[in-house]
Amino acid sequence: MADTLWEDRDVRFDISPQQLRMRSGEKCIDRLDAIEDTKGNNGDRGRLVVTNLRVIWHSLSVPRVNLSIGFNCVINISTKTAQSKIRGTSEALYVLTKCNDTRFEFIFTNLISGSPRLFTSVITVHRAYETSKLYRDLKLRGALIQNKQLRLLPQEQIYDQINGVWNLSSDQGNLGTFYITNVRLVWHANINESFNVSIPYLQMKTIKIRDSKFGLALVVETSTSSGGYVLGFRIDPAEKLQSVAKQIQNLHKVYSHCPIFGVEYDTEDRTPVAEDLPVEPIQDDVDIEHDDQTDAFAAYFADGDKEKDREPVYSEELGLAIEKLKDGFTLSGLWEVLS
């Protein structure tokens, strides 16, 4: 399943209506109907949708002009001033991403003045995504066990705990314990709890019983995106091995139909703002020029609007001449992005 999940792990431009639809387990967290894509479509009013996996923007006048920005690609979010054709100089949301070794920068401006919702929604949901990776990513030697018990995730429930499970990753094997939950399979060694593995159902490719040099074993193969691990476990007697394998296979099947991605965001306490109220459509006094030859891919390069080198200036911080930085950028901020 993980090898087909692209929504949070890719940046895509002008995608089809089918790809704009939310996949199973993806939820709309917020929708804002007056957002400008200031860098790529300046002067064009659009809709921005924040889900638990990505940020989607599409033009209201030409819906085929759209963006899908996966949260796993985001490396920095900040607020700076930008020049909007509709609002003029105003505070905007800058989103710097990296996808397939290419950096893209996106700038979004809220066309309703005085509303912080664009900033709070995107920043808060991205933070929730970053702090819930155990739902989605395989983890080796993590802080999984506390006081001899599995540290449960907020939406996690333990279905079974199985003692006497051998991990076959070494020549002699390691005796440990299984925790089978609604989102993952966890194993840890009994004599060293820090020797452990957490395998989300999202990252499981196959769950089978195979023969090994230790006899019949439960073999879990993980997705290519998680490293393509092949993990073997021995459980005695054989009848118990069969029942455990069947249980994990069934839970994996249930999870695949309705995944739990773990991104939680409480919208109940949000104060109503102008965007929540019914208003008449506003006609913008702006002429929008559409160029069918525009290269959307190039428009969002992190420095895609740079046509020539900027003038050199002396940097006291570095003690040498450097190219003059763009407004709103600092050397320390660039180092943080590149580190």
C-alpha atoms as a PDB file:
ATOM      1  CA  MET A   1       0.000   0.000   0.000  1.00  0.00           C
ATOM      2  CA  ALA A   2       2.801   2.440   0.875  1.00  0.00           C
ATOM      3  CA  ASP A   3       4.317   2.092  -2.594  1.00  0.00           C
ATOM      4  CA  THR A   4       1.029   3.369  -4.093  1.00  0.00           C
ATOM      5  CA  LEU A   5       0.555   6.163  -1.539  1.00  0.00           C
ATOM      6  CA  TRP A   6       1.805   9.336  -3.199  1.00  0.00           C
ATOM      7  CA  GLU A   7      -0.408  12.040  -1.734  1.00  0.00           C
ATOM      8  CA  ASP A   8       1.901  12.939   1.184  1.00  0.00           C
ATOM      9  CA  ARG A   9       5.174  12.052  -0.575  1.00  0.00           C
ATOM     10  CA  ASP A  10       4.995  13.965  -3.838  1.00  0.00           C
ATOM     11  CA  VAL A  11       4.564  17.431  -5.321  1.00  0.00           C
ATOM     12  CA  ARG A  12       2.373  17.426  -8.427  1.00  0.00           C
ATOM     13  CA  PHE A  13       1.142  20.107 -10.801  1.00  0.00           C
ATOM     14  CA  ASP A  14      -2.094  20.304 -12.809  1.00  0.00           C
ATOM     15  CA  ILE A  15      -3.270  16.836 -11.819  1.00  0.00           C
ATOM     16  CA  SER A  16      -6.493  15.145 -12.917  1.00  0.00           C
ATOM     17  CA  PRO A  17      -9.783  15.471 -10.971  1.00  0.00           C
ATOM     18  CA  GLN A  18      -9.363  11.841  -9.897  1.00  0.00           C
ATOM     19  CA  GLN A  19      -6.009  12.616  -8.255  1.00  0.00           C
ATOM     20  CA  LEU A  20      -7.516  15.670  -6.570  1.00  0.00           C
ATOM     21  CA  ARG A  21     -10.083  13.441  -4.850  1.00  0.00           C
ATOM     22  CA  MET A  22      -9.177  12.225  -1.412  1.00  0.00           C
ATOM     23  CA  ARG A  23      -8.000   8.656  -1.077  1.00  0.00           C
ATOM     24  CA  SER A  24      -9.209   6.248   1.586  1.00  0.00           C
ATOM     25  CA  GLY A  25      -8.174   7.547   5.009  1.00  0.00           C
ATOM     26  CA  GLU A  26      -7.516  11.068   3.737  1.00  0.00           C
ATOM     27  CA  LYS A  27      -9.664  13.715   5.435  1.00  0.00           C
ATOM     28  CA  CYS A  28     -10.379  17.355   4.689  1.00  0.00           C
ATOM     29  CA  ILE A  29      -9.306  19.403   7.712  1.00  0.00           C
ATOM     30  CA  ASP A  30      -9.834  22.918   6.384  1.00  0.00           C
ATOM     31  CA  ARG A  31     -10.987  24.665   3.204  1.00  0.00           C
ATOM     32  CA  LEU A  32     -10.357  28.281   2.304  1.00  0.00           C
ATOM     33  CA  ASP A  33     -12.057  29.752  -0.761  1.00  0.00           C
ATOM     34  CA  ALA A  34     -10.113  32.989  -1.204  1.00  0.00           C
ATOM     35  CA  ILE A  35      -6.451  32.029  -1.520  1.00  0.00           C
ATOM     36  CA  GLU A  36      -4.061  33.259  -4.191  1.00  0.00           C
ATOM     37  CA  ASP A  37      -1.147  31.170  -5.461  1.00  0.00           C
ATOM     38  CA  THR A  38       1.024  34.256  -5.516  1.00  0.00           C
ATOM     39  CA  LYS A  39       4.117  32.727  -7.106  1.00  0.00           C
ATOM     40  CA  GLY A  40       2.604  30.649  -9.903  1.00  0.00           C
ATOM     41  CA  ASN A  41      -0.798  32.246 -10.503  1.00  0.00           C
ATOM     42  CA  ASN A  42      -0.589  35.783  -9.146  1.00  0.00           C
ATOM     43  CA  GLY A  43      -3.951  37.550  -9.461  1.00  0.00           C
ATOM     44  CA  ASP A  44      -5.975  34.338  -9.669  1.00  0.00           C
ATOM     45  CA  ARG A  45      -8.448  33.630  -6.852  1.00  0.00           C
ATOM     46  CA  GLY A  46      -8.343  29.963  -5.805  1.00  0.00           C
ATOM     47  CA  ARG A  47      -9.388  27.439  -3.207  1.00  0.00           C
ATOM     48  CA  LEU A  48      -6.916  25.860  -0.766  1.00  0.00           C
ATOM     49  CA  VAL A  49      -7.763  22.546   0.888  1.00  0.00           C
ATOM     50  CA  VAL A  50      -5.735  21.226   3.827  1.00  0.00           C
ATOM     51  CA  THR A  51      -5.977  17.462   4.397  1.00  0.00           C
ATOM     52  CA  ASN A  52      -4.167  15.134   6.776  1.00  0.00           C
ATOM     53  CA  LEU A  53      -1.735  14.247   3.954  1.00  0.00           C
ATOM     54  CA  ARG A  54      -1.274  17.310   1.746  1.00  0.00           C
ATOM     55  CA  VAL A  55      -2.167  20.853   0.727  1.00  0.00           C
ATOM     56  CA  ILE A  56      -4.254  21.222  -2.434  1.00  0.00           C
ATOM     57  CA  TRP A  57      -4.754  24.490  -4.303  1.00  0.00           C
ATOM     58  CA  HIS A  58      -6.770  24.979  -7.466  1.00  0.00           C
ATOM     59  CA  SER A  59      -7.883  27.992  -9.439  1.00  0.00           C
ATOM     60  CA  LEU A  60     -11.592  28.794  -9.161  1.00  0.00           C
ATOM     61  CA  SER A  61     -11.698  30.084 -12.739  1.00  0.00           C
ATOM     62  CA  VAL A  62      -9.664  27.259 -14.312  1.00  0.00           C
ATOM     63  CA  PRO A  63      -9.808  24.172 -11.995  1.00  0.00           C
ATOM     64  CA  ARG A  64      -7.333  22.238 -14.138  1.00  0.00           C
ATOM     65  CA  VAL A  65      -4.698  24.685 -12.864  1.00  0.00           C
ATOM     66  CA  ASN A  66      -3.862  23.140  -9.513  1.00  0.00           C
ATOM     67  CA  LEU A  67      -1.195  21.982  -7.043  1.00  0.00           C
ATOM     68  CA  SER A  68      -0.846  19.017  -4.708  1.00  0.00           C
ATOM     69  CA  ILE A  69       1.862  19.430  -2.044  1.00  0.00           C
ATOM     70  CA  GLY A  70       2.556  16.403   0.159  1.00  0.00           C
ATOM     71  CA  PHE A  71       3.438  17.161   3.788  1.00  0.00           C
ATOM     72  CA  ASN A  72       6.353  14.713   3.653  1.00  0.00           C
ATOM     73  CA  CYS A  73       7.992  16.987   1.046  1.00  0.00           C
ATOM     74  CA  VAL A  74       7.766  20.154   3.152  1.00  0.00           C
ATOM     75  CA  ILE A  75      11.095  21.239   4.639  1.00  0.00           C
ATOM     76  CA  ASN A  76      10.199  24.743   5.829  1.00  0.00           C
ATOM     77  CA  ILE A  77       7.104  26.900   6.356  1.00  0.00           C
ATOM     78  CA  SER A  78       7.383  30.610   7.106  1.00  0.00           C
ATOM     79  CA  THR A  79       5.471  33.876   6.794  1.00  0.00           C
ATOM     80  CA  LYS A  80       6.863  36.837   4.858  1.00  0.00           C
ATOM     81  CA  THR A  81       5.561  39.723   2.810  1.00  0.00           C
ATOM     82  CA  ALA A  82       4.681  39.133  -0.829  1.00  0.00           C
ATOM     83  CA  GLN A  83       3.341  41.237  -3.694  1.00  0.00           C
ATOM     84  CA  SER A  84      -0.168  40.167  -4.675  1.00  0.00           C
ATOM     85  CA  LYS A  85      -1.964  41.556  -7.719  1.00  0.00           C
ATOM     86  CA  ILE A  86      -5.214  41.486  -5.738  1.00  0.00           C
ATOM     87  CA  ARG A  87      -4.161  42.520  -2.214  1.00  0.00           C
ATOM     88  CA  GLY A  88      -0.934  44.365  -2.937  1.00  0.00           C
ATOM     89  CA  THR A  89       1.856  43.990  -0.380  1.00  0.00           C
ATOM     90  CA  SER A  90       0.650  41.627   2.335  1.00  0.00           C
ATOM     91  CA  GLU A  91       1.798  38.834   4.610  1.00  0.00           C
ATOM     92  CA  ALA A  92       1.899  35.482   2.848  1.00  0.00           C
ATOM     93  CA  LEU A  93       2.645  31.847   3.605  1.00  0.00           C
ATOM     94  CA  TYR A  94       5.917  30.559   2.106  1.00  0.00           C
ATOM     95  CA  VAL A  95       6.197  26.773   1.737  1.00  0.00           C
ATOM     96  CA  LEU A  96       9.580  25.348   0.743  1.00  0.00           C
ATOM     97  CA  THR A  97       9.556  21.736  -0.427  1.00  0.00           C
ATOM     98  CA  LYS A  98      11.925  19.110  -1.752  1.00  0.00           C
ATOM     99  CA  CYS A  99      10.786  16.332  -4.080  1.00  0.00           C
ATOM    100  CA  ASN A 100      13.102  13.996  -6.029  1.00  0.00           C
ATOM    101  CA  ASP A 101      16.103  16.249  -5.256  1.00  0.00           C
ATOM    102  CA  THR A 102      14.308  19.303  -6.678  1.00  0.00           C
ATOM    103  CA  ARG A 103      13.283  22.233  -4.477  1.00  0.00           C
ATOM    104  CA  PHE A 104      10.051  24.106  -5.058  1.00  0.00           C
ATOM    105  CA  GLU A 105       8.802  27.238  -3.346  1.00  0.00           C
ATOM    106  CA  PHE A 106       5.108  28.088  -3.037  1.00  0.00           C
ATOM    107  CA  ILE A 107       3.636  31.386  -1.845  1.00  0.00           C
ATOM    108  CA  PHE A 108      -0.001  31.618  -0.760  1.00  0.00           C
ATOM    109  CA  THR A 109      -1.817  34.839   0.120  1.00  0.00           C
ATOM    110  CA  ASN A 110      -5.149  35.011   1.939  1.00  0.00           C
ATOM    111  CA  LEU A 111      -7.320  37.485   0.018  1.00  0.00           C
ATOM    112  CA  ILE A 112      -9.450  38.128   3.115  1.00  0.00           C
ATOM    113  CA  SER A 113      -7.546  40.607   5.244  1.00  0.00           C
ATOM    114  CA  GLY A 114      -7.139  40.057   8.959  1.00  0.00           C
ATOM    115  CA  SER A 115      -7.635  36.290   8.879  1.00  0.00           C
ATOM    116  CA  PRO A 116      -4.788  34.142  10.254  1.00  0.00           C
ATOM    117  CA  ARG A 117      -6.491  30.890   9.272  1.00  0.00           C
ATOM    118  CA  LEU A 118      -4.265  30.161   6.274  1.00  0.00           C
ATOM    119  CA  PHE A 119      -1.179  30.260   8.490  1.00  0.00           C
ATOM    120  CA  THR A 120      -2.611  28.411  11.484  1.00  0.00           C
ATOM    121  CA  SER A 121      -4.204  25.588   9.488  1.00  0.00           C
ATOM    122  CA  VAL A 122      -1.221  24.720   7.297  1.00  0.00           C
ATOM    123  CA  ILE A 123       1.423  25.142  10.010  1.00  0.00           C
ATOM    124  CA  THR A 124      -0.527  23.254  12.686  1.00  0.00           C
ATOM    125  CA  VAL A 125      -1.498  20.330  10.449  1.00  0.00           C
ATOM    126  CA  HIS A 126       2.062  20.020   9.160  1.00  0.00           C
ATOM    127  CA  ARG A 127       3.296  19.905  12.762  1.00  0.00           C
ATOM    128  CA  ALA A 128       0.728  17.183  13.538  1.00  0.00           C
ATOM    129  CA  TYR A 129       1.952  15.248  10.501  1.00  0.00           C
ATOM    130  CA  GLU A 130       5.587  15.509  11.589  1.00  0.00           C
ATOM    131  CA  THR A 131       4.834  14.278  15.122  1.00  0.00           C
ATOM    132  CA  SER A 132       2.825  11.221  14.006  1.00  0.00           C
ATOM    133  CA  LYS A 133       5.364   9.404  11.834  1.00  0.00           C
ATOM    134  CA  LEU A 134       5.145   6.137  13.792  1.00  0.00           C
ATOM    135  CA  TYR A 135       1.723   5.616  12.196  1.00  0.00           C
ATOM    136  CA  ARG A 136       3.302   5.677   8.738  1.00  0.00           C
ATOM    137  CA  ASP A 137       7.043   4.933   8.915  1.00  0.00           C
ATOM    138  CA  LEU A 138       8.977   1.820   9.910  1.00  0.00           C
ATOM    139  CA  LYS A 139      11.092   2.470  12.997  1.00  0.00           C
ATOM    140  CA  LEU A 140      14.106   0.485  14.221  1.00  0.00           C
ATOM    141  CA  ARG A 141      15.453   0.843  17.788  1.00  0.00           C
ATOM    142  CA  GLY A 142      13.004   3.548  18.839  1.00  0.00           C
ATOM    143  CA  ALA A 143      11.696   4.589  22.257  1.00  0.00           C
ATOM    144  CA  LEU A 144       8.754   2.205  21.921  1.00  0.00           C
ATOM    145  CA  ILE A 145       8.603   0.578  25.367  1.00  0.00           C
ATOM    146  CA  GLN A 146       8.099   2.248  28.745  1.00  0.00           C
ATOM    147  CA  ASN A 147       7.740   0.424  32.084  1.00  0.00           C
ATOM    148  CA  LYS A 148       7.596  -2.931  30.262  1.00  0.00           C
ATOM    149  CA  GLN A 149       4.615  -1.736  28.221  1.00  0.00           C
ATOM    150  CA  LEU A 150       4.151  -0.484  24.659  1.00  0.00           C
ATOM    151  CA  ARG A 151       3.832   3.295  24.460  1.00  0.00           C
ATOM    152  CA  LEU A 152       0.504   3.637  22.683  1.00  0.00           C
ATOM    153  CA  LEU A 153      -0.137   6.215  19.993  1.00  0.00           C
ATOM    154  CA  PRO A 154      -3.233   8.440  20.426  1.00  0.00           C
ATOM    155  CA  GLN A 155      -5.509   6.383  18.119  1.00  0.00           C
ATOM    156  CA  GLU A 156      -3.886   3.010  18.827  1.00  0.00           C
ATOM    157  CA  GLN A 157      -5.437  -0.043  20.475  1.00  0.00           C
ATOM    158  CA  ILE A 158      -3.636  -3.279  21.409  1.00  0.00           C
ATOM    159  CA  TYR A 159      -5.399  -6.361  20.044  1.00  0.00           C
ATOM    160  CA  ASP A 160      -2.928  -8.973  21.261  1.00  0.00           C
ATOM    161  CA  GLN A 161       0.333  -9.381  23.171  1.00  0.00           C
ATOM    162  CA  ILE A 162       2.330 -12.519  22.404  1.00  0.00           C
ATOM    163  CA  ASN A 163       5.309 -13.669  24.438  1.00  0.00           C
ATOM    164  CA  GLY A 164       8.013 -16.076  23.289  1.00  0.00           C
ATOM    165  CA  VAL A 165       8.542 -14.641  19.781  1.00  0.00           C
ATOM    166  CA  TRP A 166      11.989 -15.172  18.288  1.00  0.00           C
ATOM    167  CA  ASN A 167      13.432 -12.493  15.994  1.00  0.00           C
ATOM    168  CA  LEU A 168      15.533 -14.318  13.392  1.00  0.00           C
ATOM    169  CA  SER A 169      17.717 -11.396  12.341  1.00  0.00           C
ATOM    170  CA  SER A 170      20.833 -12.909  13.973  1.00  0.00           C
ATOM    171  CA  ASP A 171      22.411 -16.376  13.845  1.00  0.00           C
ATOM    172  CA  GLN A 172      21.120 -17.398  17.244  1.00  0.00           C
ATOM    173  CA  GLY A 173      17.857 -15.407  17.241  1.00  0.00           C
ATOM    174  CA  ASN A 174      16.554 -13.101  19.962  1.00  0.00           C
ATOM    175  CA  LEU A 175      13.663 -13.933  22.246  1.00  0.00           C
ATOM    176  CA  GLY A 176      11.075 -11.174  22.599  1.00  0.00           C
ATOM    177  CA  THR A 177       7.469 -10.026  22.633  1.00  0.00           C
ATOM    178  CA  PHE A 178       4.930  -9.113  19.945  1.00  0.00           C
ATOM    179  CA  TYR A 179       2.357  -6.336  20.251  1.00  0.00           C
ATOM    180  CA  ILE A 180      -0.353  -6.489  17.597  1.00  0.00           C
ATOM    181  CA  THR A 181      -2.392  -3.270  17.349  1.00  0.00           C
ATOM    182  CA  ASN A 182      -4.835  -1.649  14.948  1.00  0.00           C
ATOM    183  CA  VAL A 183      -2.052   0.323  13.189  1.00  0.00           C
ATOM    184  CA  ARG A 184       1.187  -1.656  13.496  1.00  0.00           C
ATOM    185  CA  LEU A 185       3.148  -4.690  14.620  1.00  0.00           C
ATOM    186  CA  VAL A 186       5.801  -4.107  17.315  1.00  0.00           C
ATOM    187  CA  TRP A 187       8.494  -6.536  18.501  1.00  0.00           C
ATOM    188  CA  HIS A 188      11.102  -5.983  21.205  1.00  0.00           C
ATOM    189  CA  ALA A 189      13.774  -8.198  22.778  1.00  0.00           C
ATOM    190  CA  ASN A 190      13.080  -9.244  26.356  1.00  0.00           C
ATOM    191  CA  ILE A 191      16.637  -8.660  27.584  1.00  0.00           C
ATOM    192  CA  ASN A 192      17.079  -5.342  25.749  1.00  0.00           C
ATOM    193  CA  GLU A 193      13.902  -3.346  25.092  1.00  0.00           C
ATOM    194  CA  SER A 194      15.777  -0.838  22.920  1.00  0.00           C
ATOM    195  CA  PHE A 195      16.364  -3.648  20.406  1.00  0.00           C
ATOM    196  CA  ASN A 196      12.982  -3.334  18.708  1.00  0.00           C
ATOM    197  CA  VAL A 197      11.065  -2.682  15.516  1.00  0.00           C
ATOM    198  CA  SER A 198       7.763  -0.954  14.774  1.00  0.00           C
ATOM    199  CA  ILE A 199       6.167  -1.965  11.460  1.00  0.00           C
ATOM    200  CA  PRO A 200       3.034  -0.010  10.431  1.00  0.00           C
ATOM    201  CA  TYR A 201       0.505  -1.948   8.350  1.00  0.00           C
ATOM    202  CA  LEU A 202       0.936   0.884   5.835  1.00  0.00           C
ATOM    203  CA  GLN A 203       4.490  -0.340   5.153  1.00  0.00           C
ATOM    204  CA  MET A 204       3.742  -4.081   4.988  1.00  0.00           C
ATOM    205  CA  LYS A 205       3.995  -5.580   1.526  1.00  0.00           C
ATOM    206  CA  THR A 206       3.445  -9.275   2.339  1.00  0.00           C
ATOM    207  CA  ILE A 207       2.807 -11.368   5.470  1.00  0.00           C
ATOM    208  CA  LYS A 208       3.580 -15.056   4.921  1.00  0.00           C
ATOM    209  CA  ILE A 209       4.745 -18.228   6.621  1.00  0.00           C
ATOM    210  CA  ARG A 210       7.951 -19.579   5.112  1.00  0.00           C
ATOM    211  CA  ASP A 211      10.549 -22.190   5.890  1.00  0.00           C
ATOM    212  CA  SER A 212      13.841 -20.958   7.364  1.00  0.00           C
ATOM    213  CA  LYS A 213      16.955 -22.468   8.946  1.00  0.00           C
ATOM    214  CA  PHE A 214      15.081 -22.127  12.237  1.00  0.00           C
ATOM    215  CA  GLY A 215      12.018 -23.939  10.879  1.00  0.00           C
ATOM    216  CA  LEU A 216       8.695 -22.375   9.899  1.00  0.00           C
ATOM    217  CA  ALA A 217       8.672 -18.623  10.465  1.00  0.00           C
ATOM    218  CA  LEU A 218       6.413 -15.620  10.045  1.00  0.00           C
ATOM    219  CA  VAL A 219       7.997 -13.420   7.368  1.00  0.00           C
ATOM    220  CA  VAL A 220       6.995  -9.761   6.965  1.00  0.00           C
ATOM    221  CA  GLU A 221       8.259  -8.023   3.828  1.00  0.00           C
ATOM    222  CA  THR A 222       8.097  -4.230   3.936  1.00  0.00           C
ATOM    223  CA  SER A 223       7.542  -1.757   1.114  1.00  0.00           C
ATOM    224  CA  THR A 224      10.308  -0.434  -1.094  1.00  0.00           C
ATOM    225  CA  SER A 225       9.803   3.070   0.325  1.00  0.00           C
ATOM    226  CA  SER A 226      10.544   1.784   3.855  1.00  0.00           C
ATOM    227  CA  GLY A 227      13.748  -0.004   2.824  1.00  0.00           C
ATOM    228  CA  GLY A 228      12.391  -3.333   1.556  1.00  0.00           C
ATOM    229  CA  TYR A 229      13.185  -5.230   4.775  1.00  0.00           C
ATOM    230  CA  VAL A 230      12.463  -8.948   5.110  1.00  0.00           C
ATOM    231  CA  LEU A 231      11.834  -9.639   8.814  1.00  0.00           C
ATOM    232  CA  GLY A 232      11.480 -13.185  10.174  1.00  0.00           C
ATOM    233  CA  PHE A 233       9.888 -14.296  13.457  1.00  0.00           C
ATOM    234  CA  ARG A 234       9.476 -17.763  14.944  1.00  0.00           C
ATOM    235  CA  ILE A 235       6.483 -18.612  17.134  1.00  0.00           C
ATOM    236  CA  ASP A 236       5.921 -22.023  18.731  1.00  0.00           C
ATOM    237  CA  PRO A 237       3.914 -24.187  18.425  1.00  0.00           C
ATOM    238  CA  ALA A 238       3.039 -24.242  14.695  1.00  0.00           C
ATOM    239  CA  GLU A 239      -0.685 -23.828  15.403  1.00  0.00           C
ATOM    240  CA  LYS A 240      -0.009 -20.583  17.233  1.00  0.00           C
ATOM    241  CA  LEU A 241       2.209 -19.400  14.375  1.00  0.00           C
ATOM    242  CA  GLN A 242      -0.655 -20.010  11.937  1.00  0.00           C
ATOM    243  CA  SER A 243      -3.199 -18.134  14.070  1.00  0.00           C
ATOM    244  CA  VAL A 244      -0.886 -15.143  14.619  1.00  0.00           C
ATOM    245  CA  ALA A 245      -0.127 -14.910  10.890  1.00  0.00           C
ATOM    246  CA  LYS A 246      -3.848 -15.024  10.085  1.00  0.00           C
ATOM    247  CA  GLN A 247      -4.584 -12.319  12.656  1.00  0.00           C
ATOM    248  CA  ILE A 248      -1.945  -9.959  11.234  1.00  0.00           C
ATOM    249  CA  GLN A 249      -3.100 -10.622   7.654  1.00  0.00           C
ATOM    250  CA  ASN A 250      -6.703  -9.805   8.580  1.00  0.00           C
ATOM    251  CA  LEU A 251      -5.750  -6.615  10.414  1.00  0.00           C
ATOM    252  CA  HIS A 252      -3.587  -5.559   7.484  1.00  0.00           C
ATOM    253  CA  LYS A 253      -6.539  -6.095   5.133  1.00  0.00           C
ATOM    254  CA  VAL A 254      -8.874  -4.064   7.365  1.00  0.00           C
ATOM    255  CA  TYR A 255      -6.300  -1.276   7.650  1.00  0.00           C
ATOM    256  CA  SER A 256      -5.809  -1.178   3.863  1.00  0.00           C
ATOM    257  CA  HIS A 257      -9.516  -0.502   3.368  1.00  0.00           C
ATOM    258  CA  CYS A 258      -9.567   2.327   5.923  1.00  0.00           C
ATOM    259  CA  PRO A 259      -6.048   3.530   6.841  1.00  0.00           C
ATOM    260  CA  ILE A 260      -5.324   5.519  10.000  1.00  0.00           C
ATOM    261  CA  PHE A 261      -2.639   8.079   9.162  1.00  0.00           C
ATOM    262  CA  GLY A 262      -2.514   9.505  12.689  1.00  0.00           C
ATOM    263  CA  VAL A 263      -2.737  13.222  11.875  1.00  0.00           C
ATOM    264  CA  GLU A 264      -5.070  14.796  14.424  1.00  0.00           C
ATOM    265  CA  TYR A 265      -6.261  18.395  14.325  1.00  0.00           C
ATOM    266  CA  ASP A 266      -9.025  19.844  16.499  1.00  0.00           C
ATOM    267  CA  THR A 267     -11.194  22.337  14.607  1.00  0.00           C
ATOM    268  CA  GLU A 268     -13.931  22.681  17.241  1.00  0.00           C
ATOM    269  CA  ASP A 269     -12.240  25.515  19.123  1.00  0.00           C
ATOM    270  CA  ARG A 270     -11.567  27.595  16.028  1.00  0.00           C
ATOM    271  CA  THR A 271     -13.095  31.063  16.205  1.00  0.00           C
ATOM    272  CA  PRO A 272     -15.386  31.778  13.209  1.00  0.00           C
ATOM    273  CA  VAL A 273     -13.815  34.225  10.808  1.00  0.00           C
ATOM    274  CA  ALA A 274     -14.933  35.984   7.654  1.00  0.00           C
ATOM    275  CA  GLU A 275     -14.369  32.907   5.487  1.00  0.00           C
ATOM    276  CA  ASP A 276     -16.960  30.941   7.492  1.00  0.00           C
ATOM    277  CA  LEU A 277     -19.734  33.432   6.767  1.00  0.00           C
ATOM    278  CA  PRO A 278     -21.912  33.440   3.629  1.00  0.00           C
ATOM    279  CA  VAL A 279     -20.827  36.304   1.394  1.00  0.00           C
ATOM    280  CA  GLU A 280     -21.583  37.384  -2.114  1.00  0.00           C
ATOM    281  CA  PRO A 281     -18.898  36.637  -4.709  1.00  0.00           C
ATOM    282  CA  ILE A 282     -16.514  39.584  -5.111  1.00  0.00           C
ATOM    283  CA  GLN A 283     -15.391  40.603  -8.548  1.00  0.00           C
ATOM    284  CA  ASP A 284     -11.719  41.510  -8.450  1.00  0.00           C
ATOM    285  CA  ASP A 285     -10.758  44.642 -10.335  1.00  0.00           C
ATOM    286  CA  VAL A 286      -7.751  42.893 -11.834  1.00  0.00           C
ATOM    287  CA  ASP A 287      -6.987  41.790 -15.366  1.00  0.00           C
ATOM    288  CA  ILE A 288      -5.641  38.241 -15.306  1.00  0.00           C
ATOM    289  CA  GLU A 289      -3.512  37.145 -18.229  1.00  0.00           C
ATOM    290  CA  HIS A 290      -3.408  33.403 -18.865  1.00  0.00           C
ATOM    291  CA  ASP A 291      -0.414  32.107 -20.787  1.00  0.00           C
ATOM    292  CA  ASP A 292      -1.045  28.599 -22.115  1.00  0.00           C
ATOM    293  CA  GLN A 293       2.705  28.127 -22.602  1.00  0.00           C
ATOM    294  CA  THR A 294       3.555  28.705 -18.934  1.00  0.00           C
ATOM    295  CA  ASP A 295       5.814  26.002 -17.507  1.00  0.00           C
ATOM    296  CA  ALA A 296       4.206  25.346 -14.112  1.00  0.00           C
ATOM    297  CA  PHE A 297       7.087  23.085 -13.103  1.00  0.00           C
ATOM    298  CA  ALA A 298       9.617  25.885 -13.592  1.00  0.00           C
ATOM    299  CA  ALA A 299       7.467  28.597 -12.008  1.00  0.00           C
ATOM    300  CA  TYR A 300       7.814  27.082  -8.552  1.00  0.00           C
ATOM    301  CA  PHE A 301      11.550  26.388  -8.456  1.00  0.00           C
ATOM    302  CA  ALA A 302      12.920  27.649  -5.163  1.00  0.00           C
ATOM    303  CA  ASP A 303      14.643  30.446  -7.103  1.00  0.00           C
ATOM    304  CA  GLY A 304      12.655  30.108 -10.287  1.00  0.00           C
ATOM    305  CA  ASP A 305      12.053  33.849 -10.719  1.00  0.00           C
ATOM    306  CA  LYS A 306      15.778  34.609 -10.847  1.00  0.00           C
ATOM    307  CA  GLU A 307      16.740  35.631 -14.382  1.00  0.00           C
ATOM    308  CA  LYS A 308      20.276  36.827 -13.630  1.00  0.00           C
ATOM    309  CA  ASP A 309      22.759  36.899 -10.757  1.00  0.00           C
ATOM    310  CA  ARG A 310      22.080  39.526  -8.133  1.00  0.00           C
ATOM    311  CA  GLU A 311      24.741  42.135  -7.304  1.00  0.00           C
ATOM    312  CA  PRO A 312      27.600  40.985  -5.022  1.00  0.00           C
ATOM    313  CA  VAL A 313      27.742  42.376  -1.497  1.00  0.00           C
ATOM    314  CA  TYR A 314      30.202  41.941   1.350  1.00  0.00           C
ATOM    315  CA  SER A 315      29.031  39.601   4.125  1.00  0.00           C
ATOM    316  CA  GLU A 316      30.503  40.462   7.532  1.00  0.00           C
ATOM    317  CA  GLU A 317      29.129  37.169   8.834  1.00  0.00           C
ATOM    318  CA  LEU A 318      31.139  35.093   6.320  1.00  0.00           C
ATOM    319  CA  GLY A 319      33.966  37.538   5.654  1.00  0.00           C
ATOM    320  CA  LEU A 320      33.621  37.339   1.878  1.00  0.00           C
ATOM    321  CA  ALA A 321      31.561  38.619  -1.044  1.00  0.00           C
ATOM    322  CA  ILE A 322      28.272  36.875  -1.701  1.00  0.00           C
ATOM    323  CA  GLU A 323      25.294  37.337  -3.996  1.00  0.00           C
ATOM    324  CA  LYS A 324      22.771  39.718  -2.421  1.00  0.00           C
ATOM    325  CA  LEU A 325      19.996  37.765  -0.699  1.00  0.00           C
ATOM    326  CA  LYS A 326      16.348  38.131  -1.668  1.00  0.00           C
ATOM    327  CA  ASP A 327      14.176  40.262   0.600  1.00  0.00           C
ATOM    328  CA  GLY A 328      13.069  38.359   3.689  1.00  0.00           C
ATOM    329  CA  PHE A 329      15.936  35.830   3.570  1.00  0.00           C
ATOM    330  CA  THR A 330      18.873  35.533   5.997  1.00  0.00           C
ATOM    331  CA  LEU A 331      22.076  33.500   5.883  1.00  0.00           C
ATOM    332  CA  SER A 332      21.179  31.638   9.061  1.00  0.00           C
ATOM    333  CA  GLY A 333      17.750  30.796   7.631  1.00  0.00           C
ATOM    334  CA  LEU A 334      19.303  29.406   4.448  1.00  0.00           C
ATOM    335  CA  TRP A 335      21.719  27.274   6.454  1.00  0.00           C
ATOM    336  CA  GLU A 336      18.785  25.856   8.431  1.00  0.00           C
ATOM    337  CA  VAL A 337      16.990  24.931   5.200  1.00  0.00           C
ATOM    338  CA  LEU A 338      20.065  23.326   3.668  1.00  0.00           C
ATOM    339  CA  SER A 339      21.159  21.414   6.781  1.00  0.00           C
END
